[in-house]
């Protein structure tokens, strides 16, 4: 465990050095946040039916999505890990006394956390003081905020376990682009990153609720906005824990199977 903690700290410190890239990312995410909000604002101003989520809650959803993008995006990748698998340098990793799964998990977790720390605070600081209707409101009460933090952190742990499955799949496909496209496009859509889950048709929501992806992004954002009650949030956090343990167990099992079949050629 000490080795995993050391790797986590080193990757976190290394990731916090990329401040210029983070500032560029903040500008990009502000741009997309305004674009998405304006699209939803136009949609809401021209609809005569009752919407399943209010515009204020939807604006909160968008700003949280932009602020914590590094926590929830599945296409966030480490090209070094892809190269280790595809070039055969995975042999060096196999010589380490610690398990590969734990080391890679610590690396990916630290990278996402460092990126979010650099980007989230500036975005949230500005979003709280924007003019209406673009302003992000404060949480409805302190309890909802605490539940949001817990749900967001559990969502982060879940998204890393899902990312690990993506890297493990490259042992079989040997195509980082294919695995990234499959996990990124499908996973982010089902997580509500393209269309918020409440705005999806009922038949699609039934599919989304069965899969783990929505628990990484849609669930914590709706807890903050108050669209999900505190009682439902407590139940949802329990479901997040179950999914996390299940995905972690699946990932470790899949990694062990993949490493047993690894063939490294060359000299």
C-alpha atoms as a PDB file:
ATOM      1  CA  UNK A   1       0.000   0.000   0.000  1.00  0.00           C
ATOM      2  CA  UNK A   2       2.911   2.369   0.712  1.00  0.00           C
ATOM      3  CA  UNK A   3       4.081   2.021  -2.891  1.00  0.00           C
ATOM      4  CA  UNK A   4       0.618   2.886  -4.203  1.00  0.00           C
ATOM      5  CA  UNK A   5       0.444   5.970  -1.972  1.00  0.00           C
ATOM      6  CA  UNK A   6       3.902   7.078  -3.153  1.00  0.00           C
ATOM      7  CA  UNK A   7       2.892   6.709  -6.800  1.00  0.00           C
ATOM      8  CA  UNK A   8      -0.299   8.662  -6.108  1.00  0.00           C
ATOM      9  CA  UNK A   9       1.599  11.531  -4.462  1.00  0.00           C
ATOM     10  CA  UNK A  10       4.213  11.728  -7.232  1.00  0.00           C
ATOM     11  CA  UNK A  11       1.604  11.761  -9.994  1.00  0.00           C
ATOM     12  CA  UNK A  12      -0.465  14.337  -8.121  1.00  0.00           C
ATOM     13  CA  UNK A  13       2.502  16.695  -7.708  1.00  0.00           C
ATOM     14  CA  UNK A  14       3.481  16.187 -11.334  1.00  0.00           C
ATOM     15  CA  UNK A  15      -0.046  16.893 -12.552  1.00  0.00           C
ATOM     16  CA  UNK A  16      -0.315  20.114 -10.538  1.00  0.00           C
ATOM     17  CA  UNK A  17       2.611  21.584 -12.490  1.00  0.00           C
ATOM     18  CA  UNK A  18       0.625  21.932 -15.731  1.00  0.00           C
ATOM     19  CA  UNK A  19      -1.009  25.249 -14.802  1.00  0.00           C
ATOM     20  CA  UNK A  20      -0.894  26.822 -18.267  1.00  0.00           C
ATOM     21  CA  UNK A  21      -2.647  23.838 -19.819  1.00  0.00           C
ATOM     22  CA  UNK A  22      -5.218  24.028 -17.035  1.00  0.00           C
ATOM     23  CA  UNK A  23      -5.922  27.708 -17.760  1.00  0.00           C
ATOM     24  CA  UNK A  24      -6.448  26.883 -21.414  1.00  0.00           C
ATOM     25  CA  UNK A  25      -8.809  24.113 -20.363  1.00  0.00           C
ATOM     26  CA  UNK A  26     -10.741  26.520 -18.112  1.00  0.00           C
ATOM     27  CA  UNK A  27     -11.284  28.924 -21.029  1.00  0.00           C
ATOM     28  CA  UNK A  28     -12.448  26.080 -23.266  1.00  0.00           C
ATOM     29  CA  UNK A  29     -14.839  24.726 -20.668  1.00  0.00           C
ATOM     30  CA  UNK A  30     -16.318  28.189 -20.029  1.00  0.00           C
ATOM     31  CA  UNK A  31     -16.958  28.521 -23.760  1.00  0.00           C
ATOM     32  CA  UNK A  32     -18.703  25.152 -24.001  1.00  0.00           C
ATOM     33  CA  UNK A  33     -20.609  25.786 -20.794  1.00  0.00           C
ATOM     34  CA  UNK A  34     -22.100  29.009 -22.164  1.00  0.00           C
ATOM     35  CA  UNK A  35     -22.917  27.362 -25.502  1.00  0.00           C
ATOM     36  CA  UNK A  36     -24.712  24.426 -23.869  1.00  0.00           C
ATOM     37  CA  UNK A  37     -26.635  26.692 -21.475  1.00  0.00           C
ATOM     38  CA  UNK A  38     -27.764  28.964 -24.328  1.00  0.00           C
ATOM     39  CA  UNK A  39     -29.009  25.946 -26.265  1.00  0.00           C
ATOM     40  CA  UNK A  40     -31.027  24.706 -23.274  1.00  0.00           C
ATOM     41  CA  UNK A  41     -32.283  28.235 -22.554  1.00  0.00           C
ATOM     42  CA  UNK A  42     -33.613  28.514 -26.098  1.00  0.00           C
ATOM     43  CA  UNK A  43     -35.199  25.073 -25.812  1.00  0.00           C
ATOM     44  CA  UNK A  44     -36.903  25.891 -22.507  1.00  0.00           C
ATOM     45  CA  UNK A  45     -38.195  29.273 -23.709  1.00  0.00           C
ATOM     46  CA  UNK A  46     -39.998  27.624 -26.642  1.00  0.00           C
ATOM     47  CA  UNK A  47     -41.521  24.603 -24.933  1.00  0.00           C
ATOM     48  CA  UNK A  48     -45.110  24.498 -23.746  1.00  0.00           C
ATOM     49  CA  UNK A  49     -44.886  21.222 -21.818  1.00  0.00           C
ATOM     50  CA  UNK A  50     -43.682  20.718 -18.273  1.00  0.00           C
ATOM     51  CA  UNK A  51     -39.976  19.848 -18.234  1.00  0.00           C
ATOM     52  CA  UNK A  52     -38.639  17.000 -16.053  1.00  0.00           C
ATOM     53  CA  UNK A  53     -35.875  19.250 -14.687  1.00  0.00           C
ATOM     54  CA  UNK A  54     -35.939  23.017 -14.167  1.00  0.00           C
ATOM     55  CA  UNK A  55     -33.680  25.378 -16.107  1.00  0.00           C
ATOM     56  CA  UNK A  56     -31.888  26.418 -12.896  1.00  0.00           C
ATOM     57  CA  UNK A  57     -31.143  22.778 -12.052  1.00  0.00           C
ATOM     58  CA  UNK A  58     -29.997  22.170 -15.614  1.00  0.00           C
ATOM     59  CA  UNK A  59     -27.625  25.155 -15.500  1.00  0.00           C
ATOM     60  CA  UNK A  60     -26.168  23.782 -12.251  1.00  0.00           C
ATOM     61  CA  UNK A  61     -25.804  20.404 -13.974  1.00  0.00           C
ATOM     62  CA  UNK A  62     -23.854  22.000 -16.855  1.00  0.00           C
ATOM     63  CA  UNK A  63     -21.469  24.029 -14.693  1.00  0.00           C
ATOM     64  CA  UNK A  64     -20.703  21.061 -12.450  1.00  0.00           C
ATOM     65  CA  UNK A  65     -20.114  18.992 -15.568  1.00  0.00           C
ATOM     66  CA  UNK A  66     -17.595  21.546 -16.841  1.00  0.00           C
ATOM     67  CA  UNK A  67     -15.925  22.116 -13.469  1.00  0.00           C
ATOM     68  CA  UNK A  68     -15.416  18.425 -12.728  1.00  0.00           C
ATOM     69  CA  UNK A  69     -14.882  17.243 -16.282  1.00  0.00           C
ATOM     70  CA  UNK A  70     -11.629  15.543 -15.296  1.00  0.00           C
ATOM     71  CA  UNK A  71     -13.565  13.502 -12.731  1.00  0.00           C
ATOM     72  CA  UNK A  72     -16.220  12.209 -15.103  1.00  0.00           C
ATOM     73  CA  UNK A  73     -14.865  12.054 -18.665  1.00  0.00           C
ATOM     74  CA  UNK A  74     -14.082   8.550 -19.866  1.00  0.00           C
ATOM     75  CA  UNK A  75     -11.892   9.735 -22.765  1.00  0.00           C
ATOM     76  CA  UNK A  76      -9.325  11.081 -20.262  1.00  0.00           C
ATOM     77  CA  UNK A  77      -6.359   8.834 -21.042  1.00  0.00           C
ATOM     78  CA  UNK A  78      -2.742   8.069 -20.173  1.00  0.00           C
ATOM     79  CA  UNK A  79      -0.885   7.372 -23.415  1.00  0.00           C
ATOM     80  CA  UNK A  80       2.034   5.968 -21.446  1.00  0.00           C
ATOM     81  CA  UNK A  81      -0.088   3.037 -20.303  1.00  0.00           C
ATOM     82  CA  UNK A  82      -1.304   2.418 -23.847  1.00  0.00           C
ATOM     83  CA  UNK A  83       2.305   2.341 -25.059  1.00  0.00           C
ATOM     84  CA  UNK A  84       3.336  -0.085 -22.332  1.00  0.00           C
ATOM     85  CA  UNK A  85       0.722  -2.537 -23.591  1.00  0.00           C
ATOM     86  CA  UNK A  86       1.133  -2.119 -27.350  1.00  0.00           C
ATOM     87  CA  UNK A  87       4.959  -1.954 -27.480  1.00  0.00           C
ATOM     88  CA  UNK A  88       5.667  -4.860 -25.149  1.00  0.00           C
ATOM     89  CA  UNK A  89       7.215  -2.685 -22.441  1.00  0.00           C
ATOM     90  CA  UNK A  90       4.630  -4.159 -20.110  1.00  0.00           C
ATOM     91  CA  UNK A  91       7.425  -6.639 -19.348  1.00  0.00           C
ATOM     92  CA  UNK A  92       9.093  -3.990 -17.167  1.00  0.00           C
ATOM     93  CA  UNK A  93       5.876  -3.540 -15.205  1.00  0.00           C
ATOM     94  CA  UNK A  94       5.677  -7.287 -14.633  1.00  0.00           C
ATOM     95  CA  UNK A  95       9.069  -7.178 -12.928  1.00  0.00           C
ATOM     96  CA  UNK A  96       7.799  -4.841 -10.216  1.00  0.00           C
ATOM     97  CA  UNK A  97       7.042  -6.403  -6.824  1.00  0.00           C
ATOM     98  CA  UNK A  98       3.674  -4.590  -6.622  1.00  0.00           C
ATOM     99  CA  UNK A  99       0.515  -5.408  -8.516  1.00  0.00           C
ATOM    100  CA  UNK A 100       0.013  -3.593 -11.791  1.00  0.00           C
ATOM    101  CA  UNK A 101      -3.663  -2.925 -11.175  1.00  0.00           C
ATOM    102  CA  UNK A 102      -3.039  -0.986  -7.963  1.00  0.00           C
ATOM    103  CA  UNK A 103      -0.159   1.035  -9.430  1.00  0.00           C
ATOM    104  CA  UNK A 104      -2.101   2.002 -12.551  1.00  0.00           C
ATOM    105  CA  UNK A 105      -5.185   2.802 -10.500  1.00  0.00           C
ATOM    106  CA  UNK A 106      -3.165   5.158  -8.280  1.00  0.00           C
ATOM    107  CA  UNK A 107      -1.667   6.883 -11.350  1.00  0.00           C
ATOM    108  CA  UNK A 108      -5.015   7.434 -13.041  1.00  0.00           C
ATOM    109  CA  UNK A 109      -6.672   8.612  -9.833  1.00  0.00           C
ATOM    110  CA  UNK A 110      -3.926  11.176  -9.160  1.00  0.00           C
ATOM    111  CA  UNK A 111      -4.016  12.480 -12.751  1.00  0.00           C
ATOM    112  CA  UNK A 112      -7.750  13.103 -12.636  1.00  0.00           C
ATOM    113  CA  UNK A 113      -7.588  14.683  -9.188  1.00  0.00           C
ATOM    114  CA  UNK A 114      -4.749  17.038 -10.170  1.00  0.00           C
ATOM    115  CA  UNK A 115      -6.543  18.161 -13.317  1.00  0.00           C
ATOM    116  CA  UNK A 116      -9.791  18.764 -11.416  1.00  0.00           C
ATOM    117  CA  UNK A 117      -8.064  20.732  -8.655  1.00  0.00           C
ATOM    118  CA  UNK A 118      -6.546  23.116 -11.194  1.00  0.00           C
ATOM    119  CA  UNK A 119      -9.729  23.622 -13.227  1.00  0.00           C
ATOM    120  CA  UNK A 120     -12.713  23.264 -10.921  1.00  0.00           C
ATOM    121  CA  UNK A 121     -12.051  26.121  -8.483  1.00  0.00           C
ATOM    122  CA  UNK A 122     -11.725  28.890 -11.140  1.00  0.00           C
ATOM    123  CA  UNK A 123     -14.824  27.681 -12.979  1.00  0.00           C
ATOM    124  CA  UNK A 124     -16.940  27.459  -9.829  1.00  0.00           C
ATOM    125  CA  UNK A 125     -15.664  30.800  -8.498  1.00  0.00           C
ATOM    126  CA  UNK A 126     -16.822  32.587 -11.647  1.00  0.00           C
ATOM    127  CA  UNK A 127     -20.025  30.555 -12.153  1.00  0.00           C
ATOM    128  CA  UNK A 128     -21.350  31.632  -8.723  1.00  0.00           C
ATOM    129  CA  UNK A 129     -21.192  35.322  -9.720  1.00  0.00           C
ATOM    130  CA  UNK A 130     -22.420  35.246 -13.306  1.00  0.00           C
ATOM    131  CA  UNK A 131     -25.574  37.225 -14.192  1.00  0.00           C
ATOM    132  CA  UNK A 132     -28.860  35.385 -14.518  1.00  0.00           C
ATOM    133  CA  UNK A 133     -29.761  32.995 -16.049  1.00  0.00           C
ATOM    134  CA  UNK A 134     -26.159  31.762 -16.269  1.00  0.00           C
ATOM    135  CA  UNK A 135     -25.412  31.918 -12.546  1.00  0.00           C
ATOM    136  CA  UNK A 136     -24.881  28.664 -10.693  1.00  0.00           C
ATOM    137  CA  UNK A 137     -26.906  28.652  -7.445  1.00  0.00           C
ATOM    138  CA  UNK A 138     -25.626  27.438  -4.108  1.00  0.00           C
ATOM    139  CA  UNK A 139     -26.807  24.011  -2.883  1.00  0.00           C
ATOM    140  CA  UNK A 140     -30.265  23.919  -1.329  1.00  0.00           C
ATOM    141  CA  UNK A 141     -28.887  23.023   2.133  1.00  0.00           C
ATOM    142  CA  UNK A 142     -25.603  21.856   3.755  1.00  0.00           C
ATOM    143  CA  UNK A 143     -26.756  18.222   3.917  1.00  0.00           C
ATOM    144  CA  UNK A 144     -27.265  18.137   0.148  1.00  0.00           C
ATOM    145  CA  UNK A 145     -23.770  19.570  -0.332  1.00  0.00           C
ATOM    146  CA  UNK A 146     -22.190  16.902   1.896  1.00  0.00           C
ATOM    147  CA  UNK A 147     -24.055  14.169   0.029  1.00  0.00           C
ATOM    148  CA  UNK A 148     -22.886  15.698  -3.251  1.00  0.00           C
ATOM    149  CA  UNK A 149     -19.230  15.575  -2.160  1.00  0.00           C
ATOM    150  CA  UNK A 150     -19.554  11.938  -1.111  1.00  0.00           C
ATOM    151  CA  UNK A 151     -21.335  11.010  -4.348  1.00  0.00           C
ATOM    152  CA  UNK A 152     -18.778  12.919  -6.446  1.00  0.00           C
ATOM    153  CA  UNK A 153     -15.798  11.172  -4.813  1.00  0.00           C
ATOM    154  CA  UNK A 154     -17.425   7.759  -5.168  1.00  0.00           C
ATOM    155  CA  UNK A 155     -18.155   8.638  -8.789  1.00  0.00           C
ATOM    156  CA  UNK A 156     -14.458   9.435  -9.248  1.00  0.00           C
ATOM    157  CA  UNK A 157     -13.464   6.034  -7.859  1.00  0.00           C
ATOM    158  CA  UNK A 158     -16.007   4.391 -10.166  1.00  0.00           C
ATOM    159  CA  UNK A 159     -14.808   6.241 -13.264  1.00  0.00           C
ATOM    160  CA  UNK A 160     -11.231   5.097 -12.607  1.00  0.00           C
ATOM    161  CA  UNK A 161     -12.380   1.478 -12.328  1.00  0.00           C
ATOM    162  CA  UNK A 162     -14.208   1.885 -15.650  1.00  0.00           C
ATOM    163  CA  UNK A 163     -11.077   3.433 -17.173  1.00  0.00           C
ATOM    164  CA  UNK A 164      -9.057   0.464 -15.958  1.00  0.00           C
ATOM    165  CA  UNK A 165     -11.394  -1.826 -17.894  1.00  0.00           C
ATOM    166  CA  UNK A 166     -10.644   0.262 -20.973  1.00  0.00           C
ATOM    167  CA  UNK A 167      -6.878  -0.225 -20.554  1.00  0.00           C
ATOM    168  CA  UNK A 168      -7.328  -3.927 -19.844  1.00  0.00           C
ATOM    169  CA  UNK A 169      -9.340  -4.312 -23.068  1.00  0.00           C
ATOM    170  CA  UNK A 170      -6.285  -3.110 -25.031  1.00  0.00           C
ATOM    171  CA  UNK A 171      -4.492  -6.324 -24.020  1.00  0.00           C
ATOM    172  CA  UNK A 172      -7.038  -8.092 -26.237  1.00  0.00           C
ATOM    173  CA  UNK A 173      -7.745  -5.570 -29.000  1.00  0.00           C
ATOM    174  CA  UNK A 174      -4.239  -3.999 -29.199  1.00  0.00           C
ATOM    175  CA  UNK A 175      -6.110  -0.911 -30.416  1.00  0.00           C
ATOM    176  CA  UNK A 176      -6.082   2.005 -27.961  1.00  0.00           C
ATOM    177  CA  UNK A 177      -8.133   4.122 -30.369  1.00  0.00           C
ATOM    178  CA  UNK A 178     -10.836   1.465 -30.650  1.00  0.00           C
ATOM    179  CA  UNK A 179     -11.112   0.903 -26.903  1.00  0.00           C
ATOM    180  CA  UNK A 180     -11.074   4.638 -26.211  1.00  0.00           C
ATOM    181  CA  UNK A 181     -13.779   5.279 -28.800  1.00  0.00           C
ATOM    182  CA  UNK A 182     -15.985   2.479 -27.519  1.00  0.00           C
ATOM    183  CA  UNK A 183     -15.714   3.350 -23.829  1.00  0.00           C
ATOM    184  CA  UNK A 184     -15.608   7.123 -24.313  1.00  0.00           C
ATOM    185  CA  UNK A 185     -18.530   7.622 -26.679  1.00  0.00           C
ATOM    186  CA  UNK A 186     -20.903   5.017 -25.269  1.00  0.00           C
ATOM    187  CA  UNK A 187     -19.973   5.538 -21.613  1.00  0.00           C
ATOM    188  CA  UNK A 188     -20.236   9.324 -21.633  1.00  0.00           C
ATOM    189  CA  UNK A 189     -23.577   9.279 -23.417  1.00  0.00           C
ATOM    190  CA  UNK A 190     -24.981   6.830 -20.859  1.00  0.00           C
ATOM    191  CA  UNK A 191     -23.531   8.949 -18.033  1.00  0.00           C
ATOM    192  CA  UNK A 192     -25.597  11.959 -19.135  1.00  0.00           C
ATOM    193  CA  UNK A 193     -22.629  13.946 -20.418  1.00  0.00           C
ATOM    194  CA  UNK A 194     -24.228  14.558 -23.822  1.00  0.00           C
ATOM    195  CA  UNK A 195     -27.917  14.715 -22.876  1.00  0.00           C
ATOM    196  CA  UNK A 196     -28.863  14.976 -19.179  1.00  0.00           C
ATOM    197  CA  UNK A 197     -30.597  11.777 -18.129  1.00  0.00           C
ATOM    198  CA  UNK A 198     -33.895  13.488 -17.117  1.00  0.00           C
ATOM    199  CA  UNK A 199     -34.255  14.776 -20.695  1.00  0.00           C
ATOM    200  CA  UNK A 200     -33.816  11.341 -22.248  1.00  0.00           C
ATOM    201  CA  UNK A 201     -36.891   9.375 -23.412  1.00  0.00           C
ATOM    202  CA  UNK A 202     -38.316   6.923 -20.893  1.00  0.00           C
ATOM    203  CA  UNK A 203     -37.152   3.798 -22.728  1.00  0.00           C
ATOM    204  CA  UNK A 204     -33.577   5.096 -22.784  1.00  0.00           C
ATOM    205  CA  UNK A 205     -33.682   6.092 -19.126  1.00  0.00           C
ATOM    206  CA  UNK A 206     -34.654   2.518 -18.251  1.00  0.00           C
ATOM    207  CA  UNK A 207     -31.443   1.333 -19.942  1.00  0.00           C
ATOM    208  CA  UNK A 208     -29.312   4.032 -18.310  1.00  0.00           C
ATOM    209  CA  UNK A 209     -30.584   3.206 -14.818  1.00  0.00           C
ATOM    210  CA  UNK A 210     -29.467  -0.428 -15.168  1.00  0.00           C
ATOM    211  CA  UNK A 211     -25.867   0.465 -16.104  1.00  0.00           C
ATOM    212  CA  UNK A 212     -23.174   1.977 -13.839  1.00  0.00           C
ATOM    213  CA  UNK A 213     -22.257   5.023 -15.943  1.00  0.00           C
ATOM    214  CA  UNK A 214     -24.882   7.453 -14.609  1.00  0.00           C
ATOM    215  CA  UNK A 215     -23.584   7.043 -11.070  1.00  0.00           C
ATOM    216  CA  UNK A 216     -20.311   8.750 -12.055  1.00  0.00           C
ATOM    217  CA  UNK A 217     -21.750  12.076 -13.267  1.00  0.00           C
ATOM    218  CA  UNK A 218     -25.532  12.356 -13.526  1.00  0.00           C
ATOM    219  CA  UNK A 219     -26.229  11.218  -9.970  1.00  0.00           C
ATOM    220  CA  UNK A 220     -23.877  13.556  -8.016  1.00  0.00           C
ATOM    221  CA  UNK A 221     -24.794  16.580 -10.160  1.00  0.00           C
ATOM    222  CA  UNK A 222     -28.513  16.072  -9.587  1.00  0.00           C
ATOM    223  CA  UNK A 223     -27.921  15.600  -5.867  1.00  0.00           C
ATOM    224  CA  UNK A 224     -26.294  19.045  -5.717  1.00  0.00           C
ATOM    225  CA  UNK A 225     -29.065  20.707  -7.710  1.00  0.00           C
ATOM    226  CA  UNK A 226     -31.776  19.212  -5.502  1.00  0.00           C
ATOM    227  CA  UNK A 227     -33.347  17.234  -8.335  1.00  0.00           C
ATOM    228  CA  UNK A 228     -32.608  14.100  -6.299  1.00  0.00           C
ATOM    229  CA  UNK A 229     -33.843  14.246  -2.694  1.00  0.00           C
ATOM    230  CA  UNK A 230     -31.579  13.553   0.269  1.00  0.00           C
ATOM    231  CA  UNK A 231     -33.349  10.267   0.987  1.00  0.00           C
ATOM    232  CA  UNK A 232     -32.837   9.086  -2.598  1.00  0.00           C
ATOM    233  CA  UNK A 233     -29.239  10.317  -2.443  1.00  0.00           C
ATOM    234  CA  UNK A 234     -28.470   8.103   0.557  1.00  0.00           C
ATOM    235  CA  UNK A 235     -29.842   5.075  -1.284  1.00  0.00           C
ATOM    236  CA  UNK A 236     -27.915   6.072  -4.399  1.00  0.00           C
ATOM    237  CA  UNK A 237     -24.638   6.324  -2.479  1.00  0.00           C
ATOM    238  CA  UNK A 238     -25.178   2.767  -1.276  1.00  0.00           C
ATOM    239  CA  UNK A 239     -25.700   1.665  -4.879  1.00  0.00           C
ATOM    240  CA  UNK A 240     -22.516   3.511  -5.872  1.00  0.00           C
ATOM    241  CA  UNK A 241     -20.565   1.521  -3.275  1.00  0.00           C
ATOM    242  CA  UNK A 242     -21.957  -1.752  -4.604  1.00  0.00           C
ATOM    243  CA  UNK A 243     -21.070  -0.825  -8.185  1.00  0.00           C
ATOM    244  CA  UNK A 244     -17.574   0.292  -7.143  1.00  0.00           C
ATOM    245  CA  UNK A 245     -16.805  -2.996  -5.383  1.00  0.00           C
ATOM    246  CA  UNK A 246     -18.235  -4.977  -8.311  1.00  0.00           C
ATOM    247  CA  UNK A 247     -16.255  -3.041 -10.941  1.00  0.00           C
ATOM    248  CA  UNK A 248     -13.082  -3.199  -8.859  1.00  0.00           C
ATOM    249  CA  UNK A 249     -13.409  -6.969  -8.478  1.00  0.00           C
ATOM    250  CA  UNK A 250     -14.145  -7.361 -12.189  1.00  0.00           C
ATOM    251  CA  UNK A 251     -11.139  -5.234 -13.113  1.00  0.00           C
ATOM    252  CA  UNK A 252      -8.715  -7.136 -10.921  1.00  0.00           C
ATOM    253  CA  UNK A 253     -10.033 -10.443 -12.260  1.00  0.00           C
ATOM    254  CA  UNK A 254      -9.785  -9.252 -15.883  1.00  0.00           C
ATOM    255  CA  UNK A 255      -6.272  -7.898 -15.325  1.00  0.00           C
ATOM    256  CA  UNK A 256      -5.093 -11.220 -13.862  1.00  0.00           C
ATOM    257  CA  UNK A 257      -6.547 -13.091 -16.853  1.00  0.00           C
ATOM    258  CA  UNK A 258      -4.991 -10.670 -19.327  1.00  0.00           C
ATOM    259  CA  UNK A 259      -1.538 -10.853 -17.728  1.00  0.00           C
ATOM    260  CA  UNK A 260      -1.621 -14.661 -17.746  1.00  0.00           C
ATOM    261  CA  UNK A 261      -1.953 -14.567 -21.535  1.00  0.00           C
ATOM    262  CA  UNK A 262       0.590 -11.805 -22.213  1.00  0.00           C
ATOM    263  CA  UNK A 263       3.306 -12.750 -24.712  1.00  0.00           C
ATOM    264  CA  UNK A 264       6.298 -10.421 -25.016  1.00  0.00           C
ATOM    265  CA  UNK A 265       8.570 -10.909 -28.029  1.00  0.00           C
ATOM    266  CA  UNK A 266      11.896  -9.308 -28.821  1.00  0.00           C
ATOM    267  CA  UNK A 267      15.339  -9.113 -27.298  1.00  0.00           C
END
